[in-house]
Protein backbone atom coordinates (compact mmCIF):
# COMPACT_ATOMS: atom_id res chain seq x y z
CA UNK A 1 -1.27 40.24 -66.07
CA UNK A 2 0.92 42.28 -68.38
CA UNK A 3 1.27 40.42 -71.71
CA UNK A 4 4.86 41.63 -72.05
CA UNK A 5 5.96 40.50 -68.58
CA UNK A 6 8.67 37.84 -68.82
CA UNK A 7 9.76 35.61 -65.98
CA UNK A 8 13.56 35.20 -65.98
CA UNK A 9 15.22 32.34 -64.16
CA UNK A 10 18.74 31.10 -63.44
CA UNK A 11 18.89 27.44 -62.48
CA UNK A 12 22.19 26.28 -61.02
CA UNK A 13 22.78 22.53 -61.30
CA UNK A 14 25.65 20.12 -60.59
CA UNK A 15 26.33 18.24 -63.79
CA UNK A 16 24.01 15.47 -64.89
CA UNK A 17 22.84 14.33 -61.46
CA UNK A 18 19.31 13.04 -60.95
CA UNK A 19 18.43 16.06 -58.78
CA UNK A 20 19.70 18.43 -61.47
CA UNK A 21 17.71 16.68 -64.20
CA UNK A 22 14.59 16.69 -62.01
CA UNK A 23 14.91 20.41 -61.28
CA UNK A 24 15.28 21.27 -64.99
CA UNK A 25 12.31 19.08 -65.94
CA UNK A 26 10.12 20.36 -63.11
CA UNK A 27 10.84 24.03 -63.83
CA UNK A 28 10.32 23.60 -67.57
CA UNK A 29 7.01 21.81 -67.04
CA UNK A 30 5.84 24.38 -64.49
CA UNK A 31 6.63 27.29 -66.81
CA UNK A 32 5.11 25.60 -69.85
CA UNK A 33 1.93 24.82 -67.92
CA UNK A 34 1.46 28.08 -66.02
CA UNK A 35 3.06 30.76 -68.20
CA UNK A 36 1.30 30.85 -71.53
CA UNK A 37 2.92 32.07 -74.72
CA UNK A 38 6.40 31.14 -73.44
CA UNK A 39 6.70 34.25 -71.31
CA UNK A 40 9.74 32.89 -69.54
CA UNK A 41 13.48 32.54 -69.98
CA UNK A 42 15.42 29.78 -68.22
CA UNK A 43 19.22 29.79 -68.14
CA UNK A 44 20.73 26.56 -66.78
CA UNK A 45 24.22 26.94 -65.32
CA UNK A 46 26.35 23.91 -64.45
CA UNK A 47 28.48 24.75 -61.40
CA UNK A 48 31.13 22.28 -62.57
CA UNK A 49 31.56 24.17 -65.86
CA UNK A 50 31.18 27.69 -64.43
CA UNK A 51 32.42 27.54 -60.83
CA UNK A 52 33.50 31.18 -60.70
CA UNK A 53 30.03 32.34 -61.75
CA UNK A 54 28.43 30.11 -59.13
CA UNK A 55 30.70 31.52 -56.43
CA UNK A 56 30.06 35.09 -57.57
CA UNK A 57 26.30 34.46 -57.30
CA UNK A 58 26.68 32.88 -53.84
CA UNK A 59 25.62 29.39 -54.89
CA UNK A 60 26.54 26.95 -52.13
CA UNK A 61 23.99 24.21 -52.87
CA UNK A 62 22.39 22.81 -55.99
CA UNK A 63 19.95 22.68 -57.56
CA UNK A 64 19.35 26.37 -56.85
CA UNK A 65 16.72 28.40 -58.69
CA UNK A 66 16.96 32.17 -58.80
CA UNK A 67 13.96 34.12 -60.10
CA UNK A 68 15.40 37.39 -61.41
CA UNK A 69 12.23 38.99 -62.70
CA UNK A 70 9.66 40.10 -62.13
CA UNK A 71 10.83 41.34 -58.76
CA UNK A 72 11.24 40.46 -55.98
CA UNK A 73 14.19 38.17 -56.56
CA UNK A 74 13.62 34.70 -55.08
CA UNK A 75 16.03 31.82 -54.35
CA UNK A 76 14.74 28.27 -54.02
CA UNK A 77 16.81 25.16 -53.30
CA UNK A 78 15.81 21.66 -54.38
CA UNK A 79 14.30 19.68 -57.21
CA UNK A 80 11.29 22.01 -57.52
CA UNK A 81 8.88 19.11 -57.13
CA UNK A 82 6.34 20.78 -54.79
CA UNK A 83 4.31 22.53 -57.48
CA UNK A 84 1.87 24.39 -55.25
CA UNK A 85 4.57 25.82 -52.96
CA UNK A 86 6.66 26.75 -55.98
CA UNK A 87 3.78 28.60 -57.67
CA UNK A 88 3.27 30.61 -54.49
CA UNK A 89 6.96 31.33 -53.92
CA UNK A 90 7.53 32.42 -57.53
CA UNK A 91 4.32 34.49 -57.57
CA UNK A 92 3.05 32.94 -60.78
CA UNK A 93 -0.19 34.37 -62.14
CA UNK A 94 -3.37 32.60 -61.10
CA UNK A 95 -4.91 30.79 -64.06
CA UNK A 96 -8.73 30.78 -64.00
């Protein structure tokens, strides 16, 4: 894998709900565990604080994860608790 490749994520949440907190924790843990050398950037957007941005990005449910790069763009709804499915969907590198 390219050492300079950076995974970029937007994570839309709804305030301090349990599902929002779980999604943030699960994504952070997944990235920390599977993307060495912090080759990721996570931007957390609260739909209550930035409703216009959420609408512009077509966010109708939360938590909603958008993987911006590397392409293809992916959208995943939920708390991100199914690690194996998430690794596949996000096309994380296989660690040997």
